[in-house]
Amino acid sequence: MPVKPDSRFANLPVLQVMAPDGSVRQVVALRLELPAITGEVKQYRVIQGDGVDLLARRFFGDERLWWRILDANPVVYPLNIQPNDILNVPSPGPSTRITRARGF
């Protein structure tokens, strides 16, 4: 089970666990500490109606990258974000680069 270097799960150990049916599966371990932030970090003051998915769309162009904002902040639960909170927003990084399956 390879993990891409730009993935949220990069550098986390892959563990083998036994499922209830007796089969062995590979799972990625939970991260217990915030990862180090690389690149430029901007600060953003949350306004009414902001959610991490909307902020990811605004800053990275893709709401599925909400985890990059959470990983850059000590926020544990995304719904705990309130207006006037200051969030660290990391640079987009390689996870926002487009990879095409074929050339045109």
C-alpha atoms as a PDB file:
ATOM      1  CA  MET A   1       0.000   0.000   0.000  1.00  0.00           C
ATOM      2  CA  PRO A   2       2.234   2.844  -1.197  1.00  0.00           C
ATOM      3  CA  VAL A   3       1.531   6.349   0.077  1.00  0.00           C
ATOM      4  CA  LYS A   4       2.357   9.311  -2.176  1.00  0.00           C
ATOM      5  CA  PRO A   5       4.850  11.835  -0.727  1.00  0.00           C
ATOM      6  CA  ASP A   6       2.291  14.679  -1.084  1.00  0.00           C
ATOM      7  CA  SER A   7      -0.424  12.701   0.695  1.00  0.00           C
ATOM      8  CA  ARG A   8      -1.810  13.548   4.110  1.00  0.00           C
ATOM      9  CA  PHE A   9      -0.599  10.115   5.161  1.00  0.00           C
ATOM     10  CA  ALA A  10       2.992  10.482   3.933  1.00  0.00           C
ATOM     11  CA  ASN A  11       5.653   9.387   6.448  1.00  0.00           C
ATOM     12  CA  LEU A  12       3.141   7.565   8.634  1.00  0.00           C
ATOM     13  CA  PRO A  13       3.744   3.874   9.313  1.00  0.00           C
ATOM     14  CA  VAL A  14       1.633   1.299   7.494  1.00  0.00           C
ATOM     15  CA  LEU A  15       0.467  -1.387   9.917  1.00  0.00           C
ATOM     16  CA  GLN A  16      -0.889  -4.864   9.313  1.00  0.00           C
ATOM     17  CA  VAL A  17      -4.002  -5.650  11.318  1.00  0.00           C
ATOM     18  CA  MET A  18      -6.310  -8.626  11.492  1.00  0.00           C
ATOM     19  CA  ALA A  19      -9.867  -7.910  10.425  1.00  0.00           C
ATOM     20  CA  PRO A  20     -12.889  -9.525  12.140  1.00  0.00           C
ATOM     21  CA  ASP A  21     -13.118 -12.050   9.300  1.00  0.00           C
ATOM     22  CA  GLY A  22      -9.530 -13.170   9.977  1.00  0.00           C
ATOM     23  CA  SER A  23      -8.000 -11.543   6.911  1.00  0.00           C
ATOM     24  CA  VAL A  24      -4.920  -9.348   7.263  1.00  0.00           C
ATOM     25  CA  ARG A  25      -5.248  -5.749   6.069  1.00  0.00           C
ATOM     26  CA  GLN A  26      -2.880  -2.831   5.807  1.00  0.00           C
ATOM     27  CA  VAL A  27      -3.885   0.438   7.456  1.00  0.00           C
ATOM     28  CA  VAL A  28      -2.119   3.759   7.910  1.00  0.00           C
ATOM     29  CA  ALA A  29      -1.377   4.647  11.542  1.00  0.00           C
ATOM     30  CA  LEU A  30      -2.949   7.744  13.080  1.00  0.00           C
ATOM     31  CA  ARG A  31      -0.837  10.882  13.304  1.00  0.00           C
ATOM     32  CA  LEU A  32      -0.325  11.833  16.934  1.00  0.00           C
ATOM     33  CA  GLU A  33       1.495  15.133  16.294  1.00  0.00           C
ATOM     34  CA  LEU A  34       0.988  17.977  13.848  1.00  0.00           C
ATOM     35  CA  PRO A  35       3.301  17.714  10.849  1.00  0.00           C
ATOM     36  CA  ALA A  36       5.961  20.369  10.276  1.00  0.00           C
ATOM     37  CA  ILE A  37       4.751  23.096   7.937  1.00  0.00           C
ATOM     38  CA  THR A  38       6.996  23.691   4.952  1.00  0.00           C
ATOM     39  CA  GLY A  39       6.863  26.680   2.649  1.00  0.00           C
ATOM     40  CA  GLU A  40       5.129  29.987   3.170  1.00  0.00           C
ATOM     41  CA  VAL A  41       2.338  30.225   5.747  1.00  0.00           C
ATOM     42  CA  LYS A  42      -0.308  32.953   5.662  1.00  0.00           C
ATOM     43  CA  GLN A  43      -2.644  33.809   8.490  1.00  0.00           C
ATOM     44  CA  TYR A  44      -6.358  34.167   7.834  1.00  0.00           C
ATOM     45  CA  ARG A  45      -9.072  35.518  10.135  1.00  0.00           C
ATOM     46  CA  VAL A  46     -12.216  33.387   9.882  1.00  0.00           C
ATOM     47  CA  ILE A  47     -15.451  35.188   9.014  1.00  0.00           C
ATOM     48  CA  GLN A  48     -19.053  34.065   9.441  1.00  0.00           C
ATOM     49  CA  GLY A  49     -19.872  31.243   7.024  1.00  0.00           C
ATOM     50  CA  ASP A  50     -16.286  30.058   6.507  1.00  0.00           C
ATOM     51  CA  GLY A  51     -15.691  26.329   6.647  1.00  0.00           C
ATOM     52  CA  VAL A  52     -12.414  24.536   6.076  1.00  0.00           C
ATOM     53  CA  ASP A  53     -13.730  23.096   2.807  1.00  0.00           C
ATOM     54  CA  LEU A  54     -14.616  26.578   1.523  1.00  0.00           C
ATOM     55  CA  LEU A  55     -11.254  27.937   2.639  1.00  0.00           C
ATOM     56  CA  ALA A  56      -9.469  25.068   0.875  1.00  0.00           C
ATOM     57  CA  ARG A  57     -11.377  25.920  -2.308  1.00  0.00           C
ATOM     58  CA  ARG A  58     -10.427  29.587  -1.973  1.00  0.00           C
ATOM     59  CA  PHE A  59      -6.736  29.037  -1.207  1.00  0.00           C
ATOM     60  CA  PHE A  60      -5.978  25.763  -3.028  1.00  0.00           C
ATOM     61  CA  GLY A  61      -8.677  25.540  -5.697  1.00  0.00           C
ATOM     62  CA  ASP A  62     -10.031  22.241  -4.339  1.00  0.00           C
ATOM     63  CA  GLU A  63     -12.273  21.745  -1.307  1.00  0.00           C
ATOM     64  CA  ARG A  64     -10.954  18.196  -0.882  1.00  0.00           C
ATOM     65  CA  LEU A  65      -7.676  19.683   0.406  1.00  0.00           C
ATOM     66  CA  TRP A  66      -9.326  20.872   3.647  1.00  0.00           C
ATOM     67  CA  TRP A  67      -6.936  18.602   5.575  1.00  0.00           C
ATOM     68  CA  ARG A  68      -3.964  20.831   4.629  1.00  0.00           C
ATOM     69  CA  ILE A  69      -5.506  23.685   6.633  1.00  0.00           C
ATOM     70  CA  LEU A  70      -6.316  21.441   9.599  1.00  0.00           C
ATOM     71  CA  ASP A  71      -2.820  19.952   9.586  1.00  0.00           C
ATOM     72  CA  ALA A  72      -1.346  23.473   9.810  1.00  0.00           C
ATOM     73  CA  ASN A  73      -3.391  24.348  12.908  1.00  0.00           C
ATOM     74  CA  PRO A  74      -3.986  22.884  16.354  1.00  0.00           C
ATOM     75  CA  VAL A  75      -7.723  22.616  15.550  1.00  0.00           C
ATOM     76  CA  VAL A  76      -8.924  19.067  16.137  1.00  0.00           C
ATOM     77  CA  TYR A  77     -12.512  19.192  14.903  1.00  0.00           C
ATOM     78  CA  PRO A  78     -13.341  21.307  11.816  1.00  0.00           C
ATOM     79  CA  LEU A  79     -16.730  22.435  13.145  1.00  0.00           C
ATOM     80  CA  ASN A  80     -15.012  24.085  16.135  1.00  0.00           C
ATOM     81  CA  ILE A  81     -13.741  26.889  13.895  1.00  0.00           C
ATOM     82  CA  GLN A  82     -15.445  30.152  14.860  1.00  0.00           C
ATOM     83  CA  PRO A  83     -15.528  33.670  13.369  1.00  0.00           C
ATOM     84  CA  ASN A  84     -12.446  35.730  14.368  1.00  0.00           C
ATOM     85  CA  ASP A  85     -10.282  32.602  14.819  1.00  0.00           C
ATOM     86  CA  ILE A  86      -6.874  33.016  13.198  1.00  0.00           C
ATOM     87  CA  LEU A  87      -5.878  30.064  11.018  1.00  0.00           C
ATOM     88  CA  ASN A  88      -2.508  29.256   9.502  1.00  0.00           C
ATOM     89  CA  VAL A  89      -2.895  28.582   5.786  1.00  0.00           C
ATOM     90  CA  PRO A  90       0.083  26.756   4.267  1.00  0.00           C
ATOM     91  CA  SER A  91       1.296  27.229   0.722  1.00  0.00           C
ATOM     92  CA  PRO A  92      -0.576  25.040  -1.759  1.00  0.00           C
ATOM     93  CA  GLY A  93       2.281  22.542  -2.104  1.00  0.00           C
ATOM     94  CA  PRO A  94       2.546  19.666  -4.550  1.00  0.00           C
ATOM     95  CA  SER A  95      -0.869  18.208  -3.674  1.00  0.00           C
ATOM     96  CA  THR A  96      -2.548  20.908  -5.776  1.00  0.00           C
ATOM     97  CA  ARG A  97      -0.581  20.154  -8.941  1.00  0.00           C
ATOM     98  CA  ILE A  98      -2.562  18.527 -11.694  1.00  0.00           C
ATOM     99  CA  THR A  99      -1.364  15.162 -12.940  1.00  0.00           C
ATOM    100  CA  ARG A 100      -2.831  14.088 -16.238  1.00  0.00           C
ATOM    101  CA  ALA A 101      -3.319  10.421 -16.989  1.00  0.00           C
ATOM    102  CA  ARG A 102      -2.595  10.989 -20.667  1.00  0.00           C
ATOM    103  CA  GLY A 103      -1.174  13.670 -22.912  1.00  0.00           C
ATOM    104  CA  PHE A 104      -3.171  15.678 -25.406  1.00  0.00           C
END
